PDB file of N, CA and C in Angstrom:
ATOM      1  N   MET A   1      81.367 179.590 122.166  1.00  0.00           N
ATOM      2  CA  MET A   1      82.805 179.693 122.351  1.00  0.00           C
ATOM      3  C   MET A   1      83.383 180.645 121.313  1.00  0.00           C
ATOM      4  N   SER A   2      84.035 181.677 121.783  1.00  0.00           N
ATOM      5  CA  SER A   2      84.524 182.657 120.828  1.00  0.00           C
ATOM      6  C   SER A   2      86.002 182.958 120.971  1.00  0.00           C
ATOM      7  N   THR A   3      86.642 182.472 122.010  1.00  0.00           N
ATOM      8  CA  THR A   3      88.066 182.749 122.158  1.00  0.00           C
ATOM      9  C   THR A   3      88.856 181.451 122.155  1.00  0.00           C
ATOM     10  N   VAL A   4      90.108 181.573 121.820  1.00  0.00           N
ATOM     11  CA  VAL A   4      90.975 180.391 121.795  1.00  0.00           C
ATOM     12  C   VAL A   4      91.060 179.772 123.185  1.00  0.00           C
ATOM     13  N   SER A   5      91.165 180.590 124.194  1.00  0.00           N
ATOM     14  CA  SER A   5      91.267 180.029 125.552  1.00  0.00           C
ATOM     15  C   SER A   5      90.005 179.264 125.938  1.00  0.00           C
ATOM     16  N   GLU A   6      88.835 179.739 125.521  1.00  0.00           N
ATOM     17  CA  GLU A   6      87.591 179.007 125.795  1.00  0.00           C
ATOM     18  C   GLU A   6      87.573 177.676 125.046  1.00  0.00           C
ATOM     19  N   ILE A   7      88.032 177.696 123.824  1.00  0.00           N
ATOM     20  CA  ILE A   7      88.086 176.465 123.026  1.00  0.00           C
ATOM     21  C   ILE A   7      89.074 175.490 123.643  1.00  0.00           C
ATOM     22  N   GLU A   8      90.238 175.994 124.051  1.00  0.00           N
ATOM     23  CA  GLU A   8      91.238 175.131 124.695  1.00  0.00           C
ATOM     24  C   GLU A   8      90.674 174.501 125.966  1.00  0.00           C
ATOM     25  N   GLU A   9      89.959 175.292 126.745  1.00  0.00           N
ATOM     26  CA  GLU A   9      89.366 174.780 127.979  1.00  0.00           C
ATOM     27  C   GLU A   9      88.343 173.682 127.674  1.00  0.00           C
ATOM     28  N   ALA A  10      87.527 173.908 126.652  1.00  0.00           N
ATOM     29  CA  ALA A  10      86.531 172.907 126.266  1.00  0.00           C
ATOM     30  C   ALA A  10      87.201 171.626 125.783  1.00  0.00           C
ATOM     31  N   ILE A  11      88.254 171.770 125.005  1.00  0.00           N
ATOM     32  CA  ILE A  11      88.974 170.597 124.505  1.00  0.00           C
ATOM     33  C   ILE A  11      89.596 169.825 125.658  1.00  0.00           C
ATOM     34  N   SER A  12      90.142 170.545 126.622  1.00  0.00           N
ATOM     35  CA  SER A  12      90.765 169.899 127.787  1.00  0.00           C
ATOM     36  C   SER A  12      89.784 169.045 128.571  1.00  0.00           C
ATOM     37  N   SER A  13      88.516 169.388 128.510  1.00  0.00           N
ATOM     38  CA  SER A  13      87.523 168.638 129.289  1.00  0.00           C
ATOM     39  C   SER A  13      86.863 167.504 128.504  1.00  0.00           C
ATOM     40  N   LEU A  14      87.254 167.330 127.261  1.00  0.00           N
ATOM     41  CA  LEU A  14      86.657 166.258 126.449  1.00  0.00           C
ATOM     42  C   LEU A  14      87.095 164.881 126.941  1.00  0.00           C
ATOM     43  N   PRO A  15      86.211 163.895 126.842  1.00  0.00           N
ATOM     44  CA  PRO A  15      86.631 162.513 127.083  1.00  0.00           C
ATOM     45  C   PRO A  15      87.681 162.136 126.019  1.00  0.00           C
ATOM     46  N   GLN A  16      88.536 161.201 126.356  1.00  0.00           N
ATOM     47  CA  GLN A  16      89.643 160.849 125.470  1.00  0.00           C
ATOM     48  C   GLN A  16      89.176 160.480 124.055  1.00  0.00           C
ATOM     49  N   GLU A  17      88.121 159.696 123.959  1.00  0.00           N
ATOM     50  CA  GLU A  17      87.628 159.282 122.640  1.00  0.00           C
ATOM     51  C   GLU A  17      87.205 160.490 121.800  1.00  0.00           C
ATOM     52  N   GLU A  18      86.525 161.426 122.442  1.00  0.00           N
ATOM     53  CA  GLU A  18      86.106 162.640 121.740  1.00  0.00           C
ATOM     54  C   GLU A  18      87.310 163.515 121.372  1.00  0.00           C
ATOM     55  N   PHE A  19      88.304 163.567 122.256  1.00  0.00           N
ATOM     56  CA  PHE A  19      89.516 164.325 121.969  1.00  0.00           C
ATOM     57  C   PHE A  19      90.190 163.802 120.697  1.00  0.00           C
ATOM     58  N   TRP A  20      90.336 162.473 120.602  1.00  0.00           N
ATOM     59  CA  TRP A  20      91.007 161.897 119.434  1.00  0.00           C
ATOM     60  C   TRP A  20      90.180 162.089 118.171  1.00  0.00           C
ATOM     61  N   LYS A  21      88.878 162.070 118.294  1.00  0.00           N
ATOM     62  CA  LYS A  21      88.005 162.344 117.161  1.00  0.00           C
ATOM     63  C   LYS A  21      88.211 163.781 116.671  1.00  0.00           C
ATOM     64  N   LEU A  22      88.284 164.711 117.602  1.00  0.00           N
ATOM     65  CA  LEU A  22      88.538 166.106 117.261  1.00  0.00           C
ATOM     66  C   LEU A  22      89.936 166.282 116.663  1.00  0.00           C
ATOM     67  N   ALA A  23      90.917 165.612 117.224  1.00  0.00           N
ATOM     68  CA  ALA A  23      92.288 165.705 116.720  1.00  0.00           C
ATOM     69  C   ALA A  23      92.359 165.220 115.271  1.00  0.00           C
ATOM     70  N   GLU A  24      91.661 164.135 114.969  1.00  0.00           N
ATOM     71  CA  GLU A  24      91.628 163.621 113.603  1.00  0.00           C
ATOM     72  C   GLU A  24      90.974 164.633 112.662  1.00  0.00           C
ATOM     73  N   TRP A  25      89.865 165.222 113.092  1.00  0.00           N
ATOM     74  CA  TRP A  25      89.181 166.243 112.292  1.00  0.00           C
ATOM     75  C   TRP A  25      90.106 167.427 112.044  1.00  0.00           C
ATOM     76  N   PHE A  26      90.794 167.844 113.090  1.00  0.00           N
ATOM     77  CA  PHE A  26      91.695 168.998 112.978  1.00  0.00           C
ATOM     78  C   PHE A  26      92.842 168.687 112.017  1.00  0.00           C
ATOM     79  N   ASP A  27      93.416 167.499 112.117  1.00  0.00           N
ATOM     80  CA  ASP A  27      94.493 167.101 111.203  1.00  0.00           C
ATOM     81  C   ASP A  27      94.022 167.127 109.749  1.00  0.00           C
ATOM     82  N   GLU A  28      92.823 166.610 109.506  1.00  0.00           N
ATOM     83  CA  GLU A  28      92.270 166.616 108.152  1.00  0.00           C
ATOM     84  C   GLU A  28      92.056 168.042 107.654  1.00  0.00           C
ATOM     85  N   ARG A  29      91.562 168.881 108.528  1.00  0.00           N
ATOM     86  CA  ARG A  29      91.322 170.286 108.164  1.00  0.00           C
ATOM     87  C   ARG A  29      92.637 170.997 107.840  1.00  0.00           C
ATOM     88  N   LYS A  30      93.670 170.749 108.648  1.00  0.00           N
ATOM     89  CA  LYS A  30      94.980 171.341 108.389  1.00  0.00           C
ATOM     90  C   LYS A  30      95.538 170.854 107.056  1.00  0.00           C
ATOM     91  N   ALA A  31      95.405 169.564 106.783  1.00  0.00           N
ATOM     92  CA  ALA A  31      95.908 169.000 105.526  1.00  0.00           C
ATOM     93  C   ALA A  31      95.180 169.610 104.332  1.00  0.00           C
ATOM     94  N   ASP A  32      93.875 169.766 104.448  1.00  0.00           N
ATOM     95  CA  ASP A  32      93.100 170.381 103.361  1.00  0.00           C
ATOM     96  C   ASP A  32      93.531 171.828 103.128  1.00  0.00           C
ATOM     97  N   ALA A  33      93.766 172.568 104.211  1.00  0.00           N
ATOM     98  CA  ALA A  33      94.202 173.965 104.093  1.00  0.00           C
ATOM     99  C   ALA A  33      95.587 174.036 103.458  1.00  0.00           C
ATOM    100  N   TRP A  34      96.478 173.128 103.853  1.00  0.00           N
ATOM    101  CA  TRP A  34      97.824 173.074 103.276  1.00  0.00           C
ATOM    102  C   TRP A  34      97.743 172.775 101.783  1.00  0.00           C
ATOM    103  N   ASP A  35      96.951 171.780 101.413  1.00  0.00           N
ATOM    104  CA  ASP A  35      96.805 171.427  99.992  1.00  0.00           C
ATOM    105  C   ASP A  35      96.278 172.609  99.185  1.00  0.00           C
ATOM    106  N   ALA A  36      95.296 173.320  99.736  1.00  0.00           N
ATOM    107  CA  ALA A  36      94.721 174.470  99.037  1.00  0.00           C
ATOM    108  C   ALA A  36      95.763 175.570  98.876  1.00  0.00           C
ATOM    109  N   ARG A  37      96.581 175.775  99.888  1.00  0.00           N
ATOM    110  CA  ARG A  37      97.623 176.815  99.816  1.00  0.00           C
ATOM    111  C   ARG A  37      98.676 176.455  98.776  1.00  0.00           C
ATOM    112  N   ILE A  38      99.115 175.201  98.771  1.00  0.00           N
ATOM    113  CA  ILE A  38     100.110 174.756  97.789  1.00  0.00           C
ATOM    114  C   ILE A  38      99.551 174.898  96.380  1.00  0.00           C
ATOM    115  N   GLU A  39      98.308 174.487  96.193  1.00  0.00           N
ATOM    116  CA  GLU A  39      97.686 174.592  94.875  1.00  0.00           C
ATOM    117  C   GLU A  39      97.579 176.050  94.421  1.00  0.00           C
ATOM    118  N   ALA A  40      97.182 176.924  95.331  1.00  0.00           N
ATOM    119  CA  ALA A  40      97.077 178.350  94.990  1.00  0.00           C
ATOM    120  C   ALA A  40      98.455 178.929  94.654  1.00  0.00           C
ATOM    121  N   ASP A  41      99.457 178.566  95.435  1.00  0.00           N
ATOM    122  CA  ASP A  41     100.813 179.052  95.165  1.00  0.00           C
ATOM    123  C   ASP A  41     101.321 178.532  93.829  1.00  0.00           C
ATOM    124  N   ALA A  42     101.049 177.264  93.533  1.00  0.00           N
ATOM    125  CA  ALA A  42     101.470 176.693  92.248  1.00  0.00           C
ATOM    126  C   ALA A  42     100.757 177.390  91.093  1.00  0.00           C
ATOM    127  N   ASP A  43      99.457 177.594  91.227  1.00  0.00           N
ATOM    128  CA  ASP A  43      98.686 178.278  90.178  1.00  0.00           C
ATOM    129  C   ASP A  43      99.187 179.700  89.953  1.00  0.00           C
ATOM    130  N   ALA A  44      99.664 180.341  91.018  1.00  0.00           N
ATOM    131  CA  ALA A  44     100.147 181.721  90.921  1.00  0.00           C
ATOM    132  C   ALA A  44     101.602 181.795  90.451  1.00  0.00           C
ATOM    133  N   GLY A  45     102.236 180.623  90.233  1.00  0.00           N
ATOM    134  CA  GLY A  45     103.615 180.615  89.755  1.00  0.00           C
ATOM    135  C   GLY A  45     104.651 180.780  90.852  1.00  0.00           C
ATOM    136  N   LYS A  46     104.222 180.766  92.103  1.00  0.00           N
ATOM    137  CA  LYS A  46     105.158 180.975  93.206  1.00  0.00           C
ATOM    138  C   LYS A  46     106.123 179.806  93.409  1.00  0.00           C
ATOM    139  N   LEU A  47     105.814 178.657  92.838  1.00  0.00           N
ATOM    140  CA  LEU A  47     106.677 177.489  93.004  1.00  0.00           C
ATOM    141  C   LEU A  47     107.466 177.159  91.743  1.00  0.00           C
ATOM    142  N   ASP A  48     107.337 177.998  90.735  1.00  0.00           N
ATOM    143  CA  ASP A  48     108.042 177.748  89.473  1.00  0.00           C
ATOM    144  C   ASP A  48     109.545 177.638  89.669  1.00  0.00           C
ATOM    145  N   PHE A  49     110.089 178.387  90.628  1.00  0.00           N
ATOM    146  CA  PHE A  49     111.530 178.349  90.864  1.00  0.00           C
ATOM    147  C   PHE A  49     112.005 176.950  91.256  1.00  0.00           C
ATOM    148  N   LEU A  50     111.142 176.187  91.914  1.00  0.00           N
ATOM    149  CA  LEU A  50     111.522 174.823  92.297  1.00  0.00           C
ATOM    150  C   LEU A  50     111.675 173.929  91.068  1.00  0.00           C
ATOM    151  N   TRP A  51     110.748 174.060  90.124  1.00  0.00           N
ATOM    152  CA  TRP A  51     110.831 173.288  88.886  1.00  0.00           C
ATOM    153  C   TRP A  51     112.068 173.705  88.092  1.00  0.00           C
ATOM    154  N   GLU A  52     112.343 174.993  88.042  1.00  0.00           N
ATOM    155  CA  GLU A  52     113.513 175.493  87.325  1.00  0.00           C
ATOM    156  C   GLU A  52     114.802 174.966  87.951  1.00  0.00           C
ATOM    157  N   GLN A  53     114.855 174.955  89.274  1.00  0.00           N
ATOM    158  CA  GLN A  53     116.023 174.424  89.974  1.00  0.00           C
ATOM    159  C   GLN A  53     116.200 172.943  89.679  1.00  0.00           C
ATOM    160  N   ALA A  54     115.122 172.195  89.699  1.00  0.00           N
ATOM    161  CA  ALA A  54     115.197 170.758  89.407  1.00  0.00           C
ATOM    162  C   ALA A  54     115.686 170.527  87.984  1.00  0.00           C
ATOM    163  N   GLN A  55     115.194 171.318  87.048  1.00  0.00           N
ATOM    164  CA  GLN A  55     115.636 171.168  85.656  1.00  0.00           C
ATOM    165  C   GLN A  55     117.136 171.450  85.523  1.00  0.00           C
ATOM    166  N   ARG A  56     117.632 172.477  86.231  1.00  0.00           N
ATOM    167  CA  ARG A  56     119.069 172.781  86.193  1.00  0.00           C
ATOM    168  C   ARG A  56     119.881 171.635  86.779  1.00  0.00           C
ATOM    169  N   GLU A  57     119.429 171.088  87.888  1.00  0.00           N
ATOM    170  CA  GLU A  57     120.151 169.991  88.535  1.00  0.00           C
ATOM    171  C   GLU A  57     120.161 168.743  87.658  1.00  0.00           C
ATOM    172  N   ILE A  58     119.064 168.477  86.991  1.00  0.00           N
ATOM    173  CA  ILE A  58     119.012 167.330  86.075  1.00  0.00           C
ATOM    174  C   ILE A  58     119.970 167.558  84.915  1.00  0.00           C
ATOM    175  N   ALA A  59     119.959 168.758  84.344  1.00  0.00           N
ATOM    176  CA  ALA A  59     120.808 169.076  83.186  1.00  0.00           C
ATOM    177  C   ALA A  59     122.292 169.008  83.528  1.00  0.00           C
ATOM    178  N   THR A  60     122.651 169.309  84.762  1.00  0.00           N
ATOM    179  CA  THR A  60     124.066 169.311  85.146  1.00  0.00           C
ATOM    180  C   THR A  60     124.487 168.026  85.849  1.00  0.00           C
ATOM    181  N   GLY A  61     123.609 167.044  85.854  1.00  0.00           N
ATOM    182  CA  GLY A  61     123.956 165.741  86.424  1.00  0.00           C
ATOM    183  C   GLY A  61     124.062 165.735  87.942  1.00  0.00           C
ATOM    184  N   GLN A  62     123.367 166.621  88.604  1.00  0.00           N
ATOM    185  CA  GLN A  62     123.432 166.703  90.064  1.00  0.00           C
ATOM    186  C   GLN A  62     122.359 165.870  90.757  1.00  0.00           C
ATOM    187  N   THR A  63     121.699 165.014  90.017  1.00  0.00           N
ATOM    188  CA  THR A  63     120.637 164.186  90.599  1.00  0.00           C
ATOM    189  C   THR A  63     121.064 162.730  90.630  1.00  0.00           C
ATOM    190  N   THR A  64     120.332 161.960  91.396  1.00  0.00           N
ATOM    191  CA  THR A  64     120.586 160.519  91.497  1.00  0.00           C
ATOM    192  C   THR A  64     119.368 159.789  90.964  1.00  0.00           C
ATOM    193  N   ASP A  65     119.602 158.809  90.119  1.00  0.00           N
ATOM    194  CA  ASP A  65     118.531 157.975  89.599  1.00  0.00           C
ATOM    195  C   ASP A  65     117.807 157.308  90.762  1.00  0.00           C
ATOM    196  N   MET A  66     116.481 157.224  90.707  1.00  0.00           N
ATOM    197  CA  MET A  66     115.688 156.674  91.800  1.00  0.00           C
ATOM    198  C   MET A  66     116.109 155.249  92.156  1.00  0.00           C
ATOM    199  N   ASP A  67     116.352 154.405  91.155  1.00  0.00           N
ATOM    200  CA  ASP A  67     116.766 153.028  91.436  1.00  0.00           C
ATOM    201  C   ASP A  67     118.108 153.000  92.162  1.00  0.00           C
ATOM    202  N   ALA A  68     119.044 153.874  91.745  1.00  0.00           N
ATOM    203  CA  ALA A  68     120.347 153.949  92.406  1.00  0.00           C
ATOM    204  C   ALA A  68     120.186 154.450  93.834  1.00  0.00           C
ATOM    205  N   PHE A  69     119.320 155.426  94.003  1.00  0.00           N
ATOM    206  CA  PHE A  69     119.066 155.967  95.338  1.00  0.00           C
ATOM    207  C   PHE A  69     118.527 154.879  96.263  1.00  0.00           C
ATOM    208  N   LEU A  70     117.538 154.140  95.785  1.00  0.00           N
ATOM    209  CA  LEU A  70     116.930 153.097  96.619  1.00  0.00           C
ATOM    210  C   LEU A  70     117.882 151.950  96.907  1.00  0.00           C
ATOM    211  N   ALA A  71     118.799 151.705  95.987  1.00  0.00           N
ATOM    212  CA  ALA A  71     119.769 150.620  96.181  1.00  0.00           C
ATOM    213  C   ALA A  71     120.893 151.022  97.123  1.00  0.00           C
ATOM    214  N   ASP A  72     121.126 152.300  97.283  1.00  0.00           N
ATOM    215  CA  ASP A  72     122.217 152.800  98.140  1.00  0.00           C
ATOM    216  C   ASP A  72     121.722 152.912  99.576  1.00  0.00           C
ATOM    217  N   LYS A  73     122.194 152.048 100.437  1.00  0.00           N
ATOM    218  CA  LYS A  73     121.726 152.002 101.831  1.00  0.00           C
ATOM    219  C   LYS A  73     122.021 153.314 102.573  1.00  0.00           C
ATOM    220  N   GLU A  74     123.130 153.962 102.239  1.00  0.00           N
ATOM    221  CA  GLU A  74     123.470 155.232 102.900  1.00  0.00           C
ATOM    222  C   GLU A  74     122.512 156.343 102.515  1.00  0.00           C
ATOM    223  N   LEU A  75     122.125 156.411 101.236  1.00  0.00           N
ATOM    224  CA  LEU A  75     121.251 157.479 100.761  1.00  0.00           C
ATOM    225  C   LEU A  75     119.812 157.272 101.172  1.00  0.00           C
ATOM    226  N   SER A  76     119.349 156.043 101.198  1.00  0.00           N
ATOM    227  CA  SER A  76     117.926 155.786 101.378  1.00  0.00           C
ATOM    228  C   SER A  76     117.515 155.572 102.833  1.00  0.00           C
ATOM    229  N   ARG A  77     118.342 155.953 103.766  1.00  0.00           N
ATOM    230  CA  ARG A  77     117.978 155.817 105.191  1.00  0.00           C
ATOM    231  C   ARG A  77     116.832 156.674 105.549  1.00  0.00           C
TER     232      ARG A  77
END
């Protein structure tokens, strides 16, 4: 199998149990790829702006304490 359409056709013909097994494998593979990308971006400093933004928001009082957040039914929906 070398094309996406061939793979899709093969997947379409799988028994349900095998389909769900493949779906689980695919989900795990996607999660691993996502984790690797986030880690690489963090190592490269591409996410530093998020930490800087959080520090500014904390310094200016724009954050909510976790306990207050969890106690507030409107916020924690």
